């Protein structure tokens, strides 16, 4: 009802869903990723967590395991969707009608790396990149650190959501 009233005042504008794509390999999802997604759903109508498929990379966890870890972490959150994709991120954004790319920044090195990608994406498309700073208590966590802890039989459970289980 309210939407109809708003549209009367904005007849030439369409009210669209704000969809953000959060791309990554998530090998595995970390508490830092989890935090960015939880905060992203407060900003967007939908957050699509997109696991990129790269045949040249050697992953610790299979694509199915990585997808399941994320799906289980957000099974009670209808605003989060988990998908896989190949190719350019901006092409996939267009395919699913995502107007934004969501990225987390842990440190200045992340910013410099992500800034170059964001500028390239803006040059090639109209898709905006939205950066969220990671929470102070998760800013040191990376998937590569988690994998190293796992390889060396350390307690990885303090770095990842409870849904991440090593077999």
Foldseek 3Di string as FASTA:
>chain_A
DVVVVVCVVVVPDDDDFAEEEAEDQCLPPWVQNVQQLVVVVVVGQAYEYEHEDDPVDDGPDDPVLRQQLVCVSCVVPPRYHYYYDYDDPLVVCVVVVHQEYEDEDLDVVSVVVVVVVQVVSVVVDVRHYDYDYTDPVQSVDDSVVLVVCVVVVHDSPVTHPPSDDDD
